[in-house]
Amino acid sequence: MPPIKELLKRTEEHIKGMVVPGTLFEELGFNYIGPVDGHDVLGLVSTLKNMRDLKGPQFLHIMTKKGRGYEPAEKDPITFHAVPKFDHTSGVLPKSSGGLPSYSKIFGDWLCETAAKDNKLMAITPAMREGSGMVEFSKKFPDRYFDVAIAEQHAVTFAAGLAIGDYKPVVAIYSTFLQRAYDQVIHDVAIQKLPVLFAIDRAGIVGADGQTHQGAFDLSFLRCIPDMVVMTRAMKMNVARCCTPATTTATAPARCAIRAVAAPARRSSRWHRCRSAKGW
């Protein structure tokens, strides 16, 4: 039995771990500093200067608030994450023109309709619920909706695990973010020949979303994966036509990717199916 002194030390560390946020990092060998106010620029600069001469690995915990300084954005950070031109004084965003729905909206509708008929369908997204048209699905099927946060690699591997468990996973992800999970697409899905549907949003040139969100590479890096079926540029009625076979057990290819552009869905448009090199 450990001596009393050792027991007291362990008790102290346990209590400290419950109330002091940096304990975990200190146990990993970091010198924890913080939390500090990330909006206090002068204070932050001073802290960073003081840290320059410290020995060993340092962990600086900075806390910020999304939309800080603009009340409408502080109250609704999700809506104000990416906005069009609007009146800053009133904070009122322009209403939709009421034109054609986006491909994201059509995909979200298909997802809900299919899930209502098939309880094996599961939806996964890495923090792209709104952008990928999954808000309604998350409300109607909360037990079958998984937002894994900004962890694209985990999203793909998690989908692979669900497929092994005889579920039908759909990974809704932006083209530019799928790049981060390329290794998982190959090793965890493709090599295992697992039926996973990748609903790729923001494929191609995205315009206002900026250069970090350009989906310029997915067609190239997916087509070189053996047995990967890639479908792109579907008109409104063909979104379901592309997605449905990919989640039907009898006809599902081992892997399937549906590409959708960031634009209103066209009423009539050609769609193309591309199959990659066959076999491993």
C-alpha atoms as a PDB file:
ATOM      1  CA  MET A   1       0.000   0.000   0.000  1.00  0.00           C
ATOM      2  CA  PRO A   2       1.428   3.440  -0.926  1.00  0.00           C
ATOM      3  CA  PRO A   3       2.516   5.643   1.969  1.00  0.00           C
ATOM      4  CA  ILE A   4       0.183   8.410   3.199  1.00  0.00           C
ATOM      5  CA  LYS A   5       2.318  11.071   1.510  1.00  0.00           C
ATOM      6  CA  GLU A   6       1.904   9.387  -1.881  1.00  0.00           C
ATOM      7  CA  LEU A   7      -1.870   9.034  -1.420  1.00  0.00           C
ATOM      8  CA  LEU A   8      -2.172  12.718  -0.548  1.00  0.00           C
ATOM      9  CA  LYS A   9      -0.170  13.644  -3.648  1.00  0.00           C
ATOM     10  CA  ARG A  10      -2.421  11.536  -5.876  1.00  0.00           C
ATOM     11  CA  THR A  11      -5.529  13.050  -4.298  1.00  0.00           C
ATOM     12  CA  GLU A  12      -4.169  16.540  -4.895  1.00  0.00           C
ATOM     13  CA  GLU A  13      -3.423  15.739  -8.550  1.00  0.00           C
ATOM     14  CA  HIS A  14      -6.884  14.246  -9.035  1.00  0.00           C
ATOM     15  CA  ILE A  15      -8.615  17.331  -7.615  1.00  0.00           C
ATOM     16  CA  LYS A  16      -6.366  19.610  -9.650  1.00  0.00           C
ATOM     17  CA  GLY A  17      -7.235  17.664 -12.787  1.00  0.00           C
ATOM     18  CA  MET A  18     -10.934  18.339 -12.242  1.00  0.00           C
ATOM     19  CA  VAL A  19     -10.601  22.109 -11.842  1.00  0.00           C
ATOM     20  CA  VAL A  20      -7.430  23.146 -13.694  1.00  0.00           C
ATOM     21  CA  PRO A  21      -7.777  22.920 -17.516  1.00  0.00           C
ATOM     22  CA  GLY A  22      -4.078  22.476 -18.270  1.00  0.00           C
ATOM     23  CA  THR A  23      -3.417  19.403 -16.142  1.00  0.00           C
ATOM     24  CA  LEU A  24      -3.752  16.960 -19.044  1.00  0.00           C
ATOM     25  CA  PHE A  25      -1.213  18.840 -21.150  1.00  0.00           C
ATOM     26  CA  GLU A  26       1.219  19.118 -18.256  1.00  0.00           C
ATOM     27  CA  GLU A  27       1.017  15.349 -17.835  1.00  0.00           C
ATOM     28  CA  LEU A  28       1.987  15.053 -21.506  1.00  0.00           C
ATOM     29  CA  GLY A  29       5.079  17.172 -20.884  1.00  0.00           C
ATOM     30  CA  PHE A  30       3.847  20.615 -21.918  1.00  0.00           C
ATOM     31  CA  ASN A  31       4.106  23.786 -19.895  1.00  0.00           C
ATOM     32  CA  TYR A  32       0.480  24.929 -20.002  1.00  0.00           C
ATOM     33  CA  ILE A  33      -0.276  28.661 -20.153  1.00  0.00           C
ATOM     34  CA  GLY A  34      -3.792  30.012 -20.203  1.00  0.00           C
ATOM     35  CA  PRO A  35      -6.501  30.352 -20.985  1.00  0.00           C
ATOM     36  CA  VAL A  36      -5.858  33.844 -22.333  1.00  0.00           C
ATOM     37  CA  ASP A  37      -8.188  36.260 -24.139  1.00  0.00           C
ATOM     38  CA  GLY A  38      -7.530  35.943 -27.866  1.00  0.00           C
ATOM     39  CA  HIS A  39      -9.269  39.254 -28.560  1.00  0.00           C
ATOM     40  CA  ASP A  40      -6.794  41.181 -26.408  1.00  0.00           C
ATOM     41  CA  VAL A  41      -4.128  41.628 -29.073  1.00  0.00           C
ATOM     42  CA  LEU A  42      -1.673  43.606 -26.933  1.00  0.00           C
ATOM     43  CA  GLY A  43      -1.998  41.151 -24.069  1.00  0.00           C
ATOM     44  CA  LEU A  44      -1.521  38.240 -26.461  1.00  0.00           C
ATOM     45  CA  VAL A  45       1.618  39.788 -27.952  1.00  0.00           C
ATOM     46  CA  SER A  46       3.003  40.328 -24.457  1.00  0.00           C
ATOM     47  CA  THR A  47       2.312  36.696 -23.535  1.00  0.00           C
ATOM     48  CA  LEU A  48       4.005  35.414 -26.681  1.00  0.00           C
ATOM     49  CA  LYS A  49       7.066  37.571 -26.006  1.00  0.00           C
ATOM     50  CA  ASN A  50       7.306  36.219 -22.470  1.00  0.00           C
ATOM     51  CA  MET A  51       7.101  32.660 -23.783  1.00  0.00           C
ATOM     52  CA  ARG A  52      10.012  33.006 -26.189  1.00  0.00           C
ATOM     53  CA  ASP A  53      12.646  32.355 -23.555  1.00  0.00           C
ATOM     54  CA  LEU A  54      10.875  29.492 -21.797  1.00  0.00           C
ATOM     55  CA  LYS A  55      12.497  26.076 -22.043  1.00  0.00           C
ATOM     56  CA  GLY A  56      10.716  22.950 -23.240  1.00  0.00           C
ATOM     57  CA  PRO A  57       7.437  22.509 -25.140  1.00  0.00           C
ATOM     58  CA  GLN A  58       4.849  25.198 -24.463  1.00  0.00           C
ATOM     59  CA  PHE A  59       1.053  24.981 -24.776  1.00  0.00           C
ATOM     60  CA  LEU A  60      -0.726  28.334 -25.080  1.00  0.00           C
ATOM     61  CA  HIS A  61      -4.509  28.101 -24.655  1.00  0.00           C
ATOM     62  CA  ILE A  62      -6.199  31.016 -26.451  1.00  0.00           C
ATOM     63  CA  MET A  63      -9.949  31.573 -26.238  1.00  0.00           C
ATOM     64  CA  THR A  64     -11.934  33.563 -28.809  1.00  0.00           C
ATOM     65  CA  LYS A  65     -15.603  34.099 -29.585  1.00  0.00           C
ATOM     66  CA  LYS A  66     -16.825  33.767 -33.153  1.00  0.00           C
ATOM     67  CA  GLY A  67     -18.230  37.032 -34.483  1.00  0.00           C
ATOM     68  CA  ARG A  68     -16.758  39.028 -31.588  1.00  0.00           C
ATOM     69  CA  GLY A  69     -17.393  42.751 -31.967  1.00  0.00           C
ATOM     70  CA  TYR A  70     -20.412  42.472 -34.277  1.00  0.00           C
ATOM     71  CA  GLU A  71     -23.583  41.714 -32.327  1.00  0.00           C
ATOM     72  CA  PRO A  72     -25.602  39.976 -35.097  1.00  0.00           C
ATOM     73  CA  ALA A  73     -22.683  37.616 -35.748  1.00  0.00           C
ATOM     74  CA  GLU A  74     -22.201  36.929 -32.038  1.00  0.00           C
ATOM     75  CA  LYS A  75     -25.868  35.973 -31.722  1.00  0.00           C
ATOM     76  CA  ASP A  76     -25.946  33.817 -34.858  1.00  0.00           C
ATOM     77  CA  PRO A  77     -22.393  32.704 -35.727  1.00  0.00           C
ATOM     78  CA  ILE A  78     -23.548  29.889 -38.025  1.00  0.00           C
ATOM     79  CA  THR A  79     -25.590  32.122 -40.332  1.00  0.00           C
ATOM     80  CA  PHE A  80     -22.844  34.753 -40.369  1.00  0.00           C
ATOM     81  CA  HIS A  81     -20.074  32.233 -41.072  1.00  0.00           C
ATOM     82  CA  ALA A  82     -20.217  33.107 -44.777  1.00  0.00           C
ATOM     83  CA  VAL A  83     -22.480  35.899 -45.936  1.00  0.00           C
ATOM     84  CA  PRO A  84     -23.215  37.815 -49.143  1.00  0.00           C
ATOM     85  CA  LYS A  85     -23.128  41.594 -49.339  1.00  0.00           C
ATOM     86  CA  PHE A  86     -25.531  43.070 -46.776  1.00  0.00           C
ATOM     87  CA  ASP A  87     -26.341  46.164 -44.705  1.00  0.00           C
ATOM     88  CA  HIS A  88     -23.895  46.137 -41.769  1.00  0.00           C
ATOM     89  CA  THR A  89     -25.927  48.673 -39.829  1.00  0.00           C
ATOM     90  CA  SER A  90     -29.138  46.646 -39.648  1.00  0.00           C
ATOM     91  CA  GLY A  91     -27.450  43.256 -39.794  1.00  0.00           C
ATOM     92  CA  VAL A  92     -30.252  41.988 -42.035  1.00  0.00           C
ATOM     93  CA  LEU A  93     -29.145  39.530 -44.705  1.00  0.00           C
ATOM     94  CA  PRO A  94     -30.730  39.654 -48.174  1.00  0.00           C
ATOM     95  CA  LYS A  95     -33.503  37.125 -48.706  1.00  0.00           C
ATOM     96  CA  SER A  96     -33.197  34.353 -51.242  1.00  0.00           C
ATOM     97  CA  SER A  97     -34.432  35.240 -54.698  1.00  0.00           C
ATOM     98  CA  GLY A  98     -36.657  32.167 -54.577  1.00  0.00           C
ATOM     99  CA  GLY A  99     -35.108  30.688 -57.714  1.00  0.00           C
ATOM    100  CA  LEU A 100     -34.017  27.118 -58.321  1.00  0.00           C
ATOM    101  CA  PRO A 101     -32.923  25.090 -55.282  1.00  0.00           C
ATOM    102  CA  SER A 102     -29.267  24.286 -54.787  1.00  0.00           C
ATOM    103  CA  TYR A 103     -27.836  20.826 -55.319  1.00  0.00           C
ATOM    104  CA  SER A 104     -27.186  20.730 -51.564  1.00  0.00           C
ATOM    105  CA  LYS A 105     -30.893  21.259 -50.878  1.00  0.00           C
ATOM    106  CA  ILE A 106     -31.897  18.565 -53.356  1.00  0.00           C
ATOM    107  CA  PHE A 107     -29.386  16.150 -51.840  1.00  0.00           C
ATOM    108  CA  GLY A 108     -30.720  16.871 -48.346  1.00  0.00           C
ATOM    109  CA  ASP A 109     -34.282  16.176 -49.495  1.00  0.00           C
ATOM    110  CA  TRP A 110     -33.202  12.899 -51.088  1.00  0.00           C
ATOM    111  CA  LEU A 111     -31.371  11.927 -47.902  1.00  0.00           C
ATOM    112  CA  CYS A 112     -34.497  12.436 -45.774  1.00  0.00           C
ATOM    113  CA  GLU A 113     -36.774  10.617 -48.207  1.00  0.00           C
ATOM    114  CA  THR A 114     -34.423   7.650 -48.457  1.00  0.00           C
ATOM    115  CA  ALA A 115     -33.814   7.444 -44.712  1.00  0.00           C
ATOM    116  CA  ALA A 116     -37.564   7.302 -44.111  1.00  0.00           C
ATOM    117  CA  LYS A 117     -37.706   4.127 -46.207  1.00  0.00           C
ATOM    118  CA  ASP A 118     -34.405   2.559 -45.156  1.00  0.00           C
ATOM    119  CA  ASN A 119     -33.333   2.516 -41.502  1.00  0.00           C
ATOM    120  CA  LYS A 120     -29.865   1.313 -42.489  1.00  0.00           C
ATOM    121  CA  LEU A 121     -28.948   4.656 -44.025  1.00  0.00           C
ATOM    122  CA  MET A 122     -26.557   6.743 -41.911  1.00  0.00           C
ATOM    123  CA  ALA A 123     -25.300  10.264 -42.640  1.00  0.00           C
ATOM    124  CA  ILE A 124     -21.907  11.628 -41.627  1.00  0.00           C
ATOM    125  CA  THR A 125     -20.450  15.107 -42.020  1.00  0.00           C
ATOM    126  CA  PRO A 126     -17.313  16.859 -40.748  1.00  0.00           C
ATOM    127  CA  ALA A 127     -18.938  20.065 -39.431  1.00  0.00           C
ATOM    128  CA  MET A 128     -20.717  20.810 -42.727  1.00  0.00           C
ATOM    129  CA  ARG A 129     -24.346  20.320 -41.669  1.00  0.00           C
ATOM    130  CA  GLU A 130     -25.668  23.586 -43.085  1.00  0.00           C
ATOM    131  CA  GLY A 131     -23.431  23.770 -46.145  1.00  0.00           C
ATOM    132  CA  SER A 132     -24.208  20.205 -47.228  1.00  0.00           C
ATOM    133  CA  GLY A 133     -27.975  20.509 -46.836  1.00  0.00           C
ATOM    134  CA  MET A 134     -28.271  18.183 -43.835  1.00  0.00           C
ATOM    135  CA  VAL A 135     -30.129  20.382 -41.339  1.00  0.00           C
ATOM    136  CA  GLU A 136     -33.488  18.723 -41.929  1.00  0.00           C
ATOM    137  CA  PHE A 137     -31.987  15.231 -41.763  1.00  0.00           C
ATOM    138  CA  SER A 138     -30.260  16.001 -38.462  1.00  0.00           C
ATOM    139  CA  LYS A 139     -33.614  17.018 -36.976  1.00  0.00           C
ATOM    140  CA  LYS A 140     -35.671  14.139 -38.357  1.00  0.00           C
ATOM    141  CA  PHE A 141     -33.093  11.403 -37.772  1.00  0.00           C
ATOM    142  CA  PRO A 142     -30.841  12.529 -34.892  1.00  0.00           C
ATOM    143  CA  ASP A 143     -29.831   8.946 -34.056  1.00  0.00           C
ATOM    144  CA  ARG A 144     -28.592   8.390 -37.600  1.00  0.00           C
ATOM    145  CA  TYR A 145     -26.826  11.709 -38.054  1.00  0.00           C
ATOM    146  CA  PHE A 146     -23.175  12.043 -37.050  1.00  0.00           C
ATOM    147  CA  ASP A 147     -21.313  15.343 -37.072  1.00  0.00           C
ATOM    148  CA  VAL A 148     -17.718  14.375 -36.292  1.00  0.00           C
ATOM    149  CA  ALA A 149     -16.563  18.032 -36.305  1.00  0.00           C
ATOM    150  CA  ILE A 150     -13.490  19.082 -38.262  1.00  0.00           C
ATOM    151  CA  ALA A 151     -12.098  15.549 -38.465  1.00  0.00           C
ATOM    152  CA  GLU A 152     -12.384  14.470 -42.091  1.00  0.00           C
ATOM    153  CA  GLN A 153     -10.134  11.439 -41.671  1.00  0.00           C
ATOM    154  CA  HIS A 154     -12.312  10.145 -38.854  1.00  0.00           C
ATOM    155  CA  ALA A 155     -15.470  10.759 -40.908  1.00  0.00           C
ATOM    156  CA  VAL A 156     -14.264   8.418 -43.662  1.00  0.00           C
ATOM    157  CA  THR A 157     -12.918   5.719 -41.341  1.00  0.00           C
ATOM    158  CA  PHE A 158     -16.109   5.878 -39.280  1.00  0.00           C
ATOM    159  CA  ALA A 159     -18.118   5.387 -42.484  1.00  0.00           C
ATOM    160  CA  ALA A 160     -15.991   2.342 -43.271  1.00  0.00           C
ATOM    161  CA  GLY A 161     -16.809   0.887 -39.860  1.00  0.00           C
ATOM    162  CA  LEU A 162     -20.522   1.448 -40.415  1.00  0.00           C
ATOM    163  CA  ALA A 163     -20.305  -0.254 -43.814  1.00  0.00           C
ATOM    164  CA  ILE A 164     -18.642  -3.277 -42.211  1.00  0.00           C
ATOM    165  CA  GLY A 165     -21.564  -3.345 -39.781  1.00  0.00           C
ATOM    166  CA  ASP A 166     -23.987  -3.670 -42.726  1.00  0.00           C
ATOM    167  CA  TYR A 167     -25.149  -0.050 -42.597  1.00  0.00           C
ATOM    168  CA  LYS A 168     -25.299   2.300 -45.578  1.00  0.00           C
ATOM    169  CA  PRO A 169     -23.098   5.301 -44.777  1.00  0.00           C
ATOM    170  CA  VAL A 170     -23.296   8.544 -46.714  1.00  0.00           C
ATOM    171  CA  VAL A 171     -20.417  10.966 -46.157  1.00  0.00           C
ATOM    172  CA  ALA A 172     -21.430  14.536 -47.038  1.00  0.00           C
ATOM    173  CA  ILE A 173     -18.222  16.492 -47.441  1.00  0.00           C
ATOM    174  CA  TYR A 174     -16.807  19.436 -49.367  1.00  0.00           C
ATOM    175  CA  SER A 175     -14.441  18.525 -52.180  1.00  0.00           C
ATOM    176  CA  THR A 176     -11.573  20.552 -50.728  1.00  0.00           C
ATOM    177  CA  PHE A 177     -11.918  18.841 -47.334  1.00  0.00           C
ATOM    178  CA  LEU A 178     -12.037  15.332 -48.792  1.00  0.00           C
ATOM    179  CA  GLN A 179      -8.391  15.897 -49.743  1.00  0.00           C
ATOM    180  CA  ARG A 180      -7.521  15.656 -46.055  1.00  0.00           C
ATOM    181  CA  ALA A 181      -8.981  12.138 -45.894  1.00  0.00           C
ATOM    182  CA  TYR A 182      -7.470  10.749 -49.094  1.00  0.00           C
ATOM    183  CA  ASP A 183      -5.429   8.109 -47.286  1.00  0.00           C
ATOM    184  CA  GLN A 184      -8.560   6.894 -45.492  1.00  0.00           C
ATOM    185  CA  VAL A 185     -10.523   6.757 -48.757  1.00  0.00           C
ATOM    186  CA  ILE A 186      -7.873   4.442 -50.201  1.00  0.00           C
ATOM    187  CA  HIS A 187      -6.892   2.287 -47.225  1.00  0.00           C
ATOM    188  CA  ASP A 188     -10.065   2.143 -45.147  1.00  0.00           C
ATOM    189  CA  VAL A 189     -12.705   2.159 -47.882  1.00  0.00           C
ATOM    190  CA  ALA A 190     -11.311   1.284 -51.313  1.00  0.00           C
ATOM    191  CA  ILE A 191      -8.920  -1.541 -50.414  1.00  0.00           C
ATOM    192  CA  GLN A 192     -11.593  -3.038 -48.163  1.00  0.00           C
ATOM    193  CA  LYS A 193     -14.115  -2.798 -51.035  1.00  0.00           C
ATOM    194  CA  LEU A 194     -16.699  -1.206 -48.754  1.00  0.00           C
ATOM    195  CA  PRO A 195     -19.929   0.417 -50.033  1.00  0.00           C
ATOM    196  CA  VAL A 196     -19.590   4.039 -48.957  1.00  0.00           C
ATOM    197  CA  LEU A 197     -21.315   6.908 -50.749  1.00  0.00           C
ATOM    198  CA  PHE A 198     -19.396  10.189 -50.826  1.00  0.00           C
ATOM    199  CA  ALA A 199     -21.704  13.150 -51.449  1.00  0.00           C
ATOM    200  CA  ILE A 200     -19.130  15.722 -52.534  1.00  0.00           C
ATOM    201  CA  ASP A 201     -20.290  19.317 -52.306  1.00  0.00           C
ATOM    202  CA  ARG A 202     -18.566  22.402 -53.731  1.00  0.00           C
ATOM    203  CA  ALA A 203     -17.035  20.393 -56.582  1.00  0.00           C
ATOM    204  CA  GLY A 204     -15.339  22.513 -59.212  1.00  0.00           C
ATOM    205  CA  ILE A 205     -15.021  26.297 -59.081  1.00  0.00           C
ATOM    206  CA  VAL A 206     -16.904  27.723 -56.106  1.00  0.00           C
ATOM    207  CA  GLY A 207     -16.650  31.470 -56.600  1.00  0.00           C
ATOM    208  CA  ALA A 208     -17.485  33.361 -53.420  1.00  0.00           C
ATOM    209  CA  ASP A 209     -16.229  30.626 -51.078  1.00  0.00           C
ATOM    210  CA  GLY A 210     -12.685  31.539 -52.114  1.00  0.00           C
ATOM    211  CA  GLN A 211      -9.544  29.712 -53.205  1.00  0.00           C
ATOM    212  CA  THR A 212      -9.318  27.515 -50.096  1.00  0.00           C
ATOM    213  CA  HIS A 213     -12.668  25.956 -51.048  1.00  0.00           C
ATOM    214  CA  GLN A 214     -12.068  25.351 -54.752  1.00  0.00           C
ATOM    215  CA  GLY A 215     -13.008  21.756 -55.570  1.00  0.00           C
ATOM    216  CA  ALA A 216     -10.558  21.500 -58.429  1.00  0.00           C
ATOM    217  CA  PHE A 217      -8.863  18.189 -57.686  1.00  0.00           C
ATOM    218  CA  ASP A 218     -11.418  15.569 -56.620  1.00  0.00           C
ATOM    219  CA  LEU A 219     -12.162  14.301 -60.121  1.00  0.00           C
ATOM    220  CA  SER A 220      -8.474  13.597 -60.683  1.00  0.00           C
ATOM    221  CA  PHE A 221      -7.643  12.023 -57.337  1.00  0.00           C
ATOM    222  CA  LEU A 222     -10.796   9.871 -57.200  1.00  0.00           C
ATOM    223  CA  ARG A 223     -10.705   8.467 -60.735  1.00  0.00           C
ATOM    224  CA  CYS A 224      -7.323   6.851 -60.139  1.00  0.00           C
ATOM    225  CA  ILE A 225      -8.728   4.748 -57.276  1.00  0.00           C
ATOM    226  CA  PRO A 226      -9.621   1.253 -58.550  1.00  0.00           C
ATOM    227  CA  ASP A 227     -13.364   0.553 -58.831  1.00  0.00           C
ATOM    228  CA  MET A 228     -14.364   4.030 -57.687  1.00  0.00           C
ATOM    229  CA  VAL A 229     -17.484   5.200 -59.509  1.00  0.00           C
ATOM    230  CA  VAL A 230     -17.634   8.986 -59.946  1.00  0.00           C
ATOM    231  CA  MET A 231     -20.768  10.799 -61.115  1.00  0.00           C
ATOM    232  CA  THR A 232     -20.839  14.507 -61.781  1.00  0.00           C
ATOM    233  CA  ARG A 233     -22.944  17.457 -62.911  1.00  0.00           C
ATOM    234  CA  ALA A 234     -26.413  16.003 -62.435  1.00  0.00           C
ATOM    235  CA  MET A 235     -29.527  18.002 -63.197  1.00  0.00           C
ATOM    236  CA  LYS A 236     -32.216  18.229 -60.537  1.00  0.00           C
ATOM    237  CA  MET A 237     -33.973  14.949 -61.339  1.00  0.00           C
ATOM    238  CA  ASN A 238     -30.687  13.080 -61.733  1.00  0.00           C
ATOM    239  CA  VAL A 239     -29.432  13.748 -58.196  1.00  0.00           C
ATOM    240  CA  ALA A 240     -31.698  10.992 -56.903  1.00  0.00           C
ATOM    241  CA  ARG A 241     -30.949   8.943 -60.005  1.00  0.00           C
ATOM    242  CA  CYS A 242     -27.258   9.017 -59.076  1.00  0.00           C
ATOM    243  CA  CYS A 243     -27.621   8.579 -55.327  1.00  0.00           C
ATOM    244  CA  THR A 244     -30.265   5.860 -55.120  1.00  0.00           C
ATOM    245  CA  PRO A 245     -28.330   2.979 -56.772  1.00  0.00           C
ATOM    246  CA  ALA A 246     -25.353   3.793 -54.559  1.00  0.00           C
ATOM    247  CA  THR A 247     -27.361   2.950 -51.442  1.00  0.00           C
ATOM    248  CA  THR A 248     -29.265  -0.033 -52.812  1.00  0.00           C
ATOM    249  CA  THR A 249     -27.704  -3.243 -51.541  1.00  0.00           C
ATOM    250  CA  ALA A 250     -28.279  -5.267 -54.682  1.00  0.00           C
ATOM    251  CA  THR A 251     -26.692  -2.773 -57.065  1.00  0.00           C
ATOM    252  CA  ALA A 252     -24.351  -0.722 -54.889  1.00  0.00           C
ATOM    253  CA  PRO A 253     -20.831  -0.344 -56.286  1.00  0.00           C
ATOM    254  CA  ALA A 254     -18.001  -0.814 -53.821  1.00  0.00           C
ATOM    255  CA  ARG A 255     -17.448   2.930 -53.706  1.00  0.00           C
ATOM    256  CA  CYS A 256     -19.340   5.801 -55.220  1.00  0.00           C
ATOM    257  CA  ALA A 257     -18.805   9.563 -55.306  1.00  0.00           C
ATOM    258  CA  ILE A 258     -21.470  12.051 -56.368  1.00  0.00           C
ATOM    259  CA  ARG A 259     -20.117  15.503 -57.247  1.00  0.00           C
ATOM    260  CA  ALA A 260     -22.275  18.622 -56.913  1.00  0.00           C
ATOM    261  CA  VAL A 261     -21.368  22.176 -57.803  1.00  0.00           C
ATOM    262  CA  ALA A 262     -22.088  25.222 -55.655  1.00  0.00           C
ATOM    263  CA  ALA A 263     -24.874  26.567 -57.845  1.00  0.00           C
ATOM    264  CA  PRO A 264     -28.626  26.341 -58.373  1.00  0.00           C
ATOM    265  CA  ALA A 265     -29.687  22.984 -59.802  1.00  0.00           C
ATOM    266  CA  ARG A 266     -30.364  23.150 -63.506  1.00  0.00           C
ATOM    267  CA  ARG A 267     -33.623  21.770 -64.830  1.00  0.00           C
ATOM    268  CA  SER A 268     -31.909  20.125 -67.759  1.00  0.00           C
ATOM    269  CA  SER A 269     -28.282  19.156 -67.967  1.00  0.00           C
ATOM    270  CA  ARG A 270     -26.222  16.215 -69.071  1.00  0.00           C
ATOM    271  CA  TRP A 271     -24.677  14.045 -66.393  1.00  0.00           C
ATOM    272  CA  HIS A 272     -21.652  11.831 -66.703  1.00  0.00           C
ATOM    273  CA  ARG A 273     -20.599   8.631 -65.029  1.00  0.00           C
ATOM    274  CA  CYS A 274     -16.882   7.909 -64.848  1.00  0.00           C
ATOM    275  CA  ARG A 275     -15.433   4.595 -63.719  1.00  0.00           C
ATOM    276  CA  SER A 276     -11.840   4.361 -62.596  1.00  0.00           C
ATOM    277  CA  ALA A 277      -9.272   1.690 -63.335  1.00  0.00           C
ATOM    278  CA  LYS A 278     -10.675  -1.744 -62.548  1.00  0.00           C
ATOM    279  CA  GLY A 279      -9.416  -3.948 -59.737  1.00  0.00           C
ATOM    280  CA  TRP A 280      -6.499  -3.766 -57.378  1.00  0.00           C
END
